[in-house]
Amino acid sequence: MAEPPIPSSMLLLGRTSVTIDHQGVQYVLRTTRAGKLILTK
């Protein structure tokens, strides 16, 4: 059974970007002015 989606607002907590550590590699999830999400290494 699939888990329900997590709203981006819960990840960002009012910030425009958040750093995510995934298996020792850091990624940055950020929002654009247009409201899009970008995930970069």
N, C-alpha and C. Protein backbone atom coordinates (compact mmCIF):
# COMPACT_ATOMS: atom_id res chain seq x y z
N MET A 1 0.85 -1.18 0.00
CA MET A 1 0.00 0.00 0.00
C MET A 1 0.89 1.25 0.00
N ALA A 2 0.62 2.17 -0.88
CA ALA A 2 1.42 3.39 -1.01
C ALA A 2 1.11 4.35 0.13
N GLU A 3 2.15 5.03 0.57
CA GLU A 3 1.99 6.06 1.59
C GLU A 3 1.37 7.30 0.97
N PRO A 4 0.63 8.10 1.75
CA PRO A 4 0.05 9.33 1.21
C PRO A 4 1.16 10.35 0.91
N PRO A 5 0.96 11.23 -0.05
CA PRO A 5 1.96 12.25 -0.38
C PRO A 5 2.21 13.19 0.79
N ILE A 6 3.42 13.70 0.88
CA ILE A 6 3.78 14.70 1.89
C ILE A 6 3.72 16.06 1.23
N PRO A 7 2.93 16.99 1.75
CA PRO A 7 2.87 18.33 1.16
C PRO A 7 4.25 19.01 1.23
N SER A 8 4.62 19.72 0.18
CA SER A 8 5.91 20.42 0.16
C SER A 8 6.03 21.41 1.32
N SER A 9 4.92 21.96 1.76
CA SER A 9 4.96 22.91 2.88
C SER A 9 5.48 22.25 4.16
N MET A 10 5.25 20.95 4.31
CA MET A 10 5.75 20.23 5.48
C MET A 10 7.26 20.03 5.40
N LEU A 11 7.78 19.93 4.19
CA LEU A 11 9.23 19.78 4.02
C LEU A 11 9.95 21.11 4.15
N LEU A 12 9.37 22.15 3.57
CA LEU A 12 10.04 23.44 3.52
C LEU A 12 9.83 24.29 4.78
N LEU A 13 8.71 24.09 5.48
CA LEU A 13 8.43 24.81 6.72
C LEU A 13 8.59 26.33 6.59
N GLY A 14 8.07 26.88 5.49
CA GLY A 14 8.12 28.32 5.28
C GLY A 14 9.41 28.84 4.65
N ARG A 15 10.38 27.96 4.47
CA ARG A 15 11.65 28.37 3.85
C ARG A 15 11.55 28.23 2.35
N THR A 16 12.49 28.84 1.63
CA THR A 16 12.52 28.70 0.18
C THR A 16 13.39 27.53 -0.27
N SER A 17 14.22 27.00 0.65
CA SER A 17 15.02 25.83 0.32
C SER A 17 15.31 25.01 1.57
N VAL A 18 15.59 23.73 1.35
CA VAL A 18 15.94 22.82 2.43
C VAL A 18 16.98 21.84 1.90
N THR A 19 17.95 21.49 2.74
CA THR A 19 18.98 20.52 2.36
C THR A 19 18.55 19.15 2.86
N ILE A 20 18.64 18.17 1.97
CA ILE A 20 18.24 16.80 2.28
C ILE A 20 19.47 15.91 2.15
N ASP A 21 19.74 15.11 3.19
CA ASP A 21 20.83 14.15 3.13
C ASP A 21 20.23 12.80 2.74
N HIS A 22 20.69 12.25 1.62
CA HIS A 22 20.21 10.95 1.15
C HIS A 22 21.40 10.04 0.92
N GLN A 23 21.57 9.07 1.79
CA GLN A 23 22.66 8.11 1.71
C GLN A 23 24.02 8.79 1.63
N GLY A 24 24.20 9.83 2.45
CA GLY A 24 25.47 10.53 2.53
C GLY A 24 25.69 11.60 1.47
N VAL A 25 24.73 11.79 0.58
CA VAL A 25 24.82 12.81 -0.46
C VAL A 25 23.80 13.91 -0.13
N GLN A 26 24.25 15.16 -0.19
CA GLN A 26 23.36 16.27 0.11
C GLN A 26 22.72 16.83 -1.16
N TYR A 27 21.43 17.03 -1.08
CA TYR A 27 20.64 17.62 -2.16
C TYR A 27 19.94 18.85 -1.61
N VAL A 28 19.66 19.81 -2.48
CA VAL A 28 18.92 21.01 -2.09
C VAL A 28 17.60 21.02 -2.84
N LEU A 29 16.51 21.09 -2.08
CA LEU A 29 15.18 21.22 -2.65
C LEU A 29 14.77 22.68 -2.47
N ARG A 30 14.48 23.36 -3.58
CA ARG A 30 14.11 24.77 -3.46
C ARG A 30 12.92 25.09 -4.34
N THR A 31 12.26 26.18 -3.98
CA THR A 31 11.12 26.64 -4.75
C THR A 31 11.55 27.82 -5.60
N THR A 32 10.92 27.96 -6.75
CA THR A 32 11.17 29.11 -7.62
C THR A 32 10.10 30.16 -7.37
N ARG A 33 10.29 31.33 -7.92
CA ARG A 33 9.27 32.38 -7.81
C ARG A 33 7.96 31.96 -8.45
N ALA A 34 8.06 31.08 -9.44
CA ALA A 34 6.87 30.61 -10.15
C ALA A 34 6.17 29.47 -9.40
N GLY A 35 6.73 29.06 -8.24
CA GLY A 35 6.10 28.01 -7.45
C GLY A 35 6.48 26.60 -7.84
N LYS A 36 7.51 26.47 -8.65
CA LYS A 36 8.00 25.14 -9.05
C LYS A 36 9.02 24.65 -8.02
N LEU A 37 9.27 23.34 -8.01
CA LEU A 37 10.29 22.76 -7.14
C LEU A 37 11.48 22.31 -7.98
N ILE A 38 12.68 22.54 -7.44
CA ILE A 38 13.91 22.12 -8.10
C ILE A 38 14.74 21.36 -7.09
N LEU A 39 15.22 20.17 -7.47
CA LEU A 39 16.09 19.37 -6.63
C LEU A 39 17.45 19.29 -7.30
N THR A 40 18.49 19.78 -6.61
CA THR A 40 19.84 19.77 -7.17
C THR A 40 20.80 19.09 -6.20
N LYS A 41 21.89 18.60 -6.75
CA LYS A 41 22.93 17.94 -5.96
C LYS A 41 23.89 18.97 -5.43
